[in-house]
Amino acid sequence: MDFKQLEAYVKVVELASFSKAADELFVSQPSISTYITALEKELDTVLINRSTKVLSTTLAGERFFDKAKELLALKREAIEMLKNLSKDASGDIRILASSVPALYMLPRILAEIHALYPKISFTVGEADTAEVVQGIAAHKADIGFVGSTLNDKKCEFFEFATEKLLFVAPNDGSYDADKPYTLESLLYSNNFISREYGSGTRIQYEKYFTENNIQLDKIKVCATMDSTYSIINAVISGLGISIISELAARDAIEQKQLIPLKLDIEPPERKIYTVLNKSVIHSHLVKLFTEYLGVRGGTI
């Protein structure tokens, strides 16, 4: 028994036609017949009824069909495993990510994976959390990275990392980096620069505000922006304060352009999640990618 015989048999049954199976496998119809006959001879049983106008399997053929598919799947898995072990994994992985994962997490991760598997390439798009989830649900990307879970039945979410959110202010002498502020004093008395609707950061900080009895309609929102980078520059310029990813704020704080503001309560944290489409049979590249993330953990 060889894999060509199994492939021929599975295609004939799936397509209910010798000629269509031949076209699909790029061989002649007599070759397909030869493969099936040889397989039946080796198994010492008839798999396909040839006495009827409509192609059908015998009882033995029906039961063998599932086993044949399993054997072919094992063959593919074995080839993929050997490719991965020999670093011959190749192809493109399509990624959609919200701003913080895209800018501050993925570059290092992709560099690490590329060093291990140099034939793998990446196509990375940036969008807000809602758009990332929509893209994964619509098969526009293989894997997503977001800052919040959403109620989408087509997608499943896996915790990848945890990061802190912190209030930042311009380093212009107006704010005291050592003073613990209340949420009320920051949000009701200062101009606040907000992320756009659909942002994972916004979903998380509004949840945190509400849990701590902040009335969202009383916040002095002076601007709404769709990127963390824009917010950082706006805060540096003195437009107002904001709450952003600690990772995103790190460089500007080290350069003394921003100051982090302390709170009199525990600061908020948020999870970063990977997103996959539930209904898709993921390629070996995506499995390799997610397995690497699992081994690596959420070090950021």
Protein backbone atom coordinates (compact mmCIF):
# COMPACT_ATOMS: atom_id res chain seq x y z
CA MET A 1 0.00 0.00 0.00
CA ASP A 2 1.41 3.40 -0.93
CA PHE A 3 0.19 6.96 -0.53
CA LYS A 4 -0.60 7.39 -4.22
CA GLN A 5 -3.13 4.58 -3.94
CA LEU A 6 -4.66 6.16 -0.83
CA GLU A 7 -4.81 9.61 -2.45
CA ALA A 8 -6.47 8.15 -5.53
CA TYR A 9 -9.04 6.26 -3.46
CA VAL A 10 -9.91 9.26 -1.27
CA LYS A 11 -10.32 11.54 -4.30
CA VAL A 12 -12.50 9.04 -6.16
CA VAL A 13 -14.81 8.71 -3.17
CA GLU A 14 -14.89 12.45 -2.44
CA LEU A 15 -15.62 13.40 -6.06
CA ALA A 16 -17.68 10.27 -6.88
CA SER A 17 -15.83 10.05 -10.17
CA PHE A 18 -12.71 8.37 -11.56
CA SER A 19 -12.26 11.04 -14.24
CA LYS A 20 -12.63 13.97 -11.83
CA ALA A 21 -10.17 12.35 -9.44
CA ALA A 22 -7.70 11.95 -12.31
CA ASP A 23 -8.03 15.64 -13.19
CA GLU A 24 -7.61 16.67 -9.56
CA LEU A 25 -4.45 14.59 -9.12
CA PHE A 26 -3.04 15.41 -12.59
CA VAL A 27 -2.84 11.78 -13.70
CA SER A 28 -4.68 9.73 -16.32
CA GLN A 29 -7.94 7.93 -15.59
CA PRO A 30 -6.34 4.51 -16.28
CA SER A 31 -3.72 5.35 -13.63
CA ILE A 32 -6.47 6.02 -11.10
CA SER A 33 -8.11 2.69 -11.94
CA THR A 34 -4.75 0.92 -11.58
CA TYR A 35 -4.16 2.49 -8.15
CA ILE A 36 -7.61 1.45 -6.89
CA THR A 37 -7.33 -2.09 -8.26
CA ALA A 38 -3.89 -2.54 -6.70
CA LEU A 39 -5.19 -1.24 -3.36
CA GLU A 40 -8.16 -3.64 -3.41
CA LYS A 41 -5.87 -6.52 -4.30
CA GLU A 42 -3.52 -5.73 -1.42
CA LEU A 43 -6.41 -5.39 1.04
CA ASP A 44 -8.11 -8.45 -0.44
CA THR A 45 -11.47 -6.70 -0.51
CA VAL A 46 -13.64 -4.69 -2.87
CA LEU A 47 -13.82 -1.00 -1.93
CA ILE A 48 -15.89 0.46 -4.77
CA ASN A 49 -19.06 -0.88 -6.40
CA ARG A 50 -18.53 -0.99 -10.14
CA SER A 51 -21.87 -2.53 -11.10
CA THR A 52 -23.97 0.60 -10.52
CA LYS A 53 -24.28 3.76 -12.61
CA VAL A 54 -23.66 5.96 -9.57
CA LEU A 55 -20.27 5.42 -7.95
CA SER A 56 -20.58 4.13 -4.39
CA THR A 57 -18.44 2.40 -1.81
CA THR A 58 -18.96 -1.01 -0.31
CA LEU A 59 -19.34 -1.30 3.46
CA ALA A 60 -15.63 -2.10 3.69
CA GLY A 61 -14.84 0.82 1.40
CA GLU A 62 -16.90 3.20 3.52
CA ARG A 63 -15.07 2.22 6.69
CA PHE A 64 -11.67 2.27 5.00
CA PHE A 65 -12.30 5.79 3.65
CA ASP A 66 -11.95 7.40 7.08
CA LYS A 67 -8.79 5.42 7.83
CA ALA A 68 -7.30 6.41 4.48
CA LYS A 69 -7.89 10.09 5.26
CA GLU A 70 -6.27 9.64 8.68
CA LEU A 71 -3.19 8.06 7.08
CA LEU A 72 -2.88 10.91 4.59
CA ALA A 73 -3.23 13.45 7.42
CA LEU A 74 -0.48 11.67 9.35
CA LYS A 75 1.73 11.84 6.28
CA ARG A 76 1.22 15.62 6.03
CA GLU A 77 1.90 16.09 9.74
CA ALA A 78 5.09 14.04 9.52
CA ILE A 79 6.37 16.06 6.57
CA GLU A 80 5.57 19.32 8.35
CA MET A 81 7.27 18.12 11.54
CA LEU A 82 10.43 17.22 9.64
CA LYS A 83 10.37 20.55 7.82
CA ASN A 84 10.11 22.37 11.12
CA LEU A 85 12.91 20.33 12.67
CA SER A 86 15.16 21.07 9.71
CA LYS A 87 14.16 24.74 9.73
CA ASP A 88 12.68 24.35 6.26
CA ALA A 89 9.29 25.76 7.30
CA SER A 90 8.43 28.34 4.68
CA GLY A 91 5.56 30.59 3.71
CA ASP A 92 3.82 33.75 4.85
CA ILE A 93 1.88 34.34 8.07
CA ARG A 94 -0.73 37.12 7.92
CA ILE A 95 -1.02 39.04 11.18
CA LEU A 96 -3.40 41.76 12.33
CA ALA A 97 -2.55 43.57 15.55
CA SER A 98 -3.75 46.51 17.59
CA SER A 99 -1.28 49.34 18.10
CA VAL A 100 0.59 48.27 21.24
CA PRO A 101 1.26 44.66 20.16
CA ALA A 102 2.09 45.82 16.63
CA LEU A 103 4.55 48.50 17.71
CA TYR A 104 6.07 47.18 20.91
CA MET A 105 5.70 43.37 21.07
CA LEU A 106 5.61 41.87 17.60
CA PRO A 107 8.91 43.28 16.25
CA ARG A 108 10.93 41.29 18.80
CA ILE A 109 8.78 38.17 18.45
CA LEU A 110 8.99 38.18 14.65
CA ALA A 111 12.76 38.65 14.79
CA GLU A 112 13.08 35.67 17.13
CA ILE A 113 10.94 33.42 14.93
CA HIS A 114 12.67 34.55 11.73
CA ALA A 115 16.05 33.70 13.28
CA LEU A 116 14.80 30.15 13.86
CA TYR A 117 12.89 29.81 10.58
CA PRO A 118 14.42 32.17 8.00
CA LYS A 119 12.07 31.03 5.21
CA ILE A 120 8.97 32.26 7.05
CA SER A 121 7.81 35.77 6.16
CA PHE A 122 5.19 37.97 7.81
CA THR A 123 2.54 40.36 6.54
CA VAL A 124 1.51 42.62 9.41
CA GLY A 125 -1.42 45.03 9.47
CA GLU A 126 -2.30 47.44 12.26
CA ALA A 127 -5.89 48.18 13.32
CA ASP A 128 -7.88 48.73 16.48
CA THR A 129 -9.10 45.75 18.49
CA ALA A 130 -12.57 45.67 16.92
CA GLU A 131 -11.13 45.76 13.39
CA VAL A 132 -8.60 43.04 14.22
CA VAL A 133 -11.34 40.72 15.47
CA GLN A 134 -13.48 41.48 12.41
CA GLY A 135 -10.50 40.72 10.17
CA ILE A 136 -9.83 37.37 11.82
CA ALA A 137 -13.53 36.45 11.61
CA ALA A 138 -13.51 37.34 7.89
CA HIS A 139 -10.34 35.28 7.18
CA LYS A 140 -8.34 38.41 6.28
CA ALA A 141 -5.49 37.30 8.54
CA ASP A 142 -4.26 34.10 10.17
CA ILE A 143 -3.71 35.38 13.70
CA GLY A 144 -4.50 38.56 15.60
CA PHE A 145 -3.16 40.38 18.66
CA VAL A 146 -5.51 42.57 20.68
CA GLY A 147 -5.81 44.33 24.02
CA SER A 148 -9.30 43.11 24.87
CA THR A 149 -11.68 40.24 24.18
CA LEU A 150 -14.86 40.86 22.21
CA ASN A 151 -18.05 38.83 21.92
CA ASP A 152 -17.49 37.31 18.49
CA LYS A 153 -18.67 33.70 18.10
CA LYS A 154 -16.31 33.09 15.17
CA CYS A 155 -13.18 33.85 17.18
CA GLU A 156 -11.39 32.46 20.21
CA PHE A 157 -9.02 34.41 22.44
CA PHE A 158 -5.92 33.23 24.31
CA GLU A 159 -4.07 35.20 26.98
CA PHE A 160 -0.60 36.09 25.78
CA ALA A 161 0.82 38.81 28.04
CA THR A 162 -0.07 41.29 30.77
CA GLU A 163 0.88 44.96 30.78
CA LYS A 164 0.16 48.02 32.89
CA LEU A 165 -1.70 51.12 31.82
CA LEU A 166 -0.54 54.40 33.31
CA PHE A 167 -1.51 58.04 33.32
CA VAL A 168 0.99 60.32 31.61
CA ALA A 169 1.32 64.10 31.62
CA PRO A 170 3.62 66.63 29.93
CA ASN A 171 6.89 67.25 31.74
CA ASP A 172 6.26 71.00 31.98
CA GLY A 173 6.17 71.47 35.74
CA SER A 174 2.36 71.34 35.98
CA TYR A 175 2.26 67.88 37.53
CA ASP A 176 4.06 66.21 40.43
CA ALA A 177 5.46 62.77 39.59
CA ASP A 178 5.70 61.88 43.30
CA LYS A 179 2.18 62.87 44.31
CA PRO A 180 -0.52 60.17 44.38
CA TYR A 181 -3.56 61.51 42.48
CA THR A 182 -7.17 60.40 42.76
CA LEU A 183 -8.96 59.37 39.58
CA GLU A 184 -11.51 62.13 40.17
CA SER A 185 -8.86 64.85 40.37
CA LEU A 186 -7.19 63.68 37.17
CA LEU A 187 -10.27 63.05 35.06
CA TYR A 188 -12.67 65.77 36.22
CA SER A 189 -10.16 68.64 36.41
CA ASN A 190 -7.77 68.08 33.48
CA ASN A 191 -8.13 67.84 29.73
CA PHE A 192 -8.15 64.15 28.82
CA ILE A 193 -7.05 62.71 25.48
CA SER A 194 -9.03 59.58 24.67
CA ARG A 195 -8.52 56.63 22.35
CA GLU A 196 -11.14 55.98 19.67
CA TYR A 197 -14.14 53.67 20.07
CA GLY A 198 -13.09 50.09 19.33
CA SER A 199 -9.66 50.51 20.92
CA GLY A 200 -8.73 47.74 23.34
CA THR A 201 -7.01 50.29 25.56
CA ARG A 202 -10.18 52.36 25.75
CA ILE A 203 -12.32 49.31 26.52
CA GLN A 204 -10.02 48.43 29.41
CA TYR A 205 -9.59 51.88 30.94
CA GLU A 206 -13.32 52.68 30.74
CA LYS A 207 -14.03 49.39 32.52
CA TYR A 208 -11.48 50.37 35.18
CA PHE A 209 -12.96 53.87 35.53
CA THR A 210 -16.49 52.49 35.91
CA GLU A 211 -15.38 49.93 38.51
CA ASN A 212 -13.91 52.84 40.50
CA ASN A 213 -17.09 54.95 40.33
CA ILE A 214 -15.95 57.41 37.68
CA GLN A 215 -18.81 58.89 35.64
CA LEU A 216 -17.62 58.69 32.05
CA ASP A 217 -19.73 61.64 30.91
CA LYS A 218 -17.96 63.90 33.41
CA ILE A 219 -14.48 63.24 32.02
CA LYS A 220 -13.07 66.36 30.32
CA VAL A 221 -12.31 64.79 26.94
CA CYS A 222 -10.55 67.37 24.79
CA ALA A 223 -9.57 65.08 21.90
CA THR A 224 -10.08 61.54 20.61
CA MET A 225 -7.23 59.95 18.66
CA ASP A 226 -6.80 56.63 16.89
CA SER A 227 -3.15 55.95 17.68
CA THR A 228 -1.03 55.77 20.80
CA TYR A 229 1.77 57.60 18.99
CA SER A 230 -0.51 60.58 18.30
CA ILE A 231 -1.64 60.67 21.92
CA ILE A 232 1.95 60.65 23.19
CA ASN A 233 2.85 63.60 20.98
CA ALA A 234 -0.32 65.45 21.98
CA VAL A 235 0.48 64.99 25.69
CA ILE A 236 4.08 66.11 25.15
CA SER A 237 2.73 69.23 23.41
CA GLY A 238 0.56 70.05 26.42
CA LEU A 239 -2.89 69.29 25.03
CA GLY A 240 -3.85 67.21 28.06
CA ILE A 241 -3.20 64.02 30.00
CA SER A 242 -4.00 60.47 28.97
CA ILE A 243 -3.78 56.85 30.02
CA ILE A 244 -1.71 54.61 27.76
CA SER A 245 0.33 51.43 27.66
CA GLU A 246 3.39 51.48 29.90
CA LEU A 247 5.34 49.94 27.03
CA ALA A 248 4.32 52.74 24.69
CA ALA A 249 5.19 55.44 27.23
CA ARG A 250 8.58 54.03 28.20
CA ASP A 251 10.80 55.89 25.70
CA ALA A 252 9.15 59.28 26.19
CA ILE A 253 9.42 58.92 29.98
CA GLU A 254 13.11 57.98 29.75
CA GLN A 255 13.68 61.01 27.52
CA LYS A 256 11.97 63.24 30.14
CA GLN A 257 9.25 64.27 27.67
CA LEU A 258 6.47 62.69 29.74
CA ILE A 259 6.05 62.02 33.43
CA PRO A 260 4.09 59.06 34.79
CA LEU A 261 1.40 59.99 37.30
CA LYS A 262 0.86 57.90 40.40
CA LEU A 263 -2.59 56.93 41.61
CA ASP A 264 -3.80 56.53 45.18
CA ILE A 265 -5.22 53.13 44.18
CA GLU A 266 -3.86 50.14 42.27
CA PRO A 267 -3.19 51.14 38.64
CA PRO A 268 -5.01 49.24 35.89
CA GLU A 269 -3.58 46.24 34.09
CA ARG A 270 -4.75 44.65 30.90
CA LYS A 271 -4.25 41.39 29.08
CA ILE A 272 -2.92 41.07 25.57
CA TYR A 273 -4.61 38.26 23.65
CA THR A 274 -3.97 36.28 20.51
CA VAL A 275 -7.06 35.76 18.34
CA LEU A 276 -7.78 32.82 16.05
CA ASN A 277 -10.73 31.91 13.85
CA LYS A 278 -12.56 28.92 15.36
CA SER A 279 -13.74 27.47 12.06
CA VAL A 280 -10.39 27.40 10.26
CA ILE A 281 -8.06 24.43 10.03
CA HIS A 282 -4.87 26.33 10.73
CA SER A 283 -1.76 25.81 8.63
CA HIS A 284 1.38 24.28 10.09
CA LEU A 285 2.93 27.77 10.02
CA VAL A 286 0.22 29.20 12.26
CA LYS A 287 0.52 26.19 14.58
CA LEU A 288 4.28 26.68 14.66
CA PHE A 289 3.82 30.38 15.44
CA THR A 290 1.34 29.79 18.27
CA GLU A 291 3.42 26.95 19.70
CA TYR A 292 6.41 29.29 19.81
CA LEU A 293 4.34 31.91 21.63
CA GLY A 294 3.28 29.27 24.15
CA VAL A 295 6.86 28.21 24.83
CA ARG A 296 8.13 31.78 24.84
CA GLY A 297 5.42 33.12 27.13
CA GLY A 298 4.36 36.74 27.35
CA THR A 299 7.76 38.29 28.06
CA ILE A 300 7.59 41.90 26.88
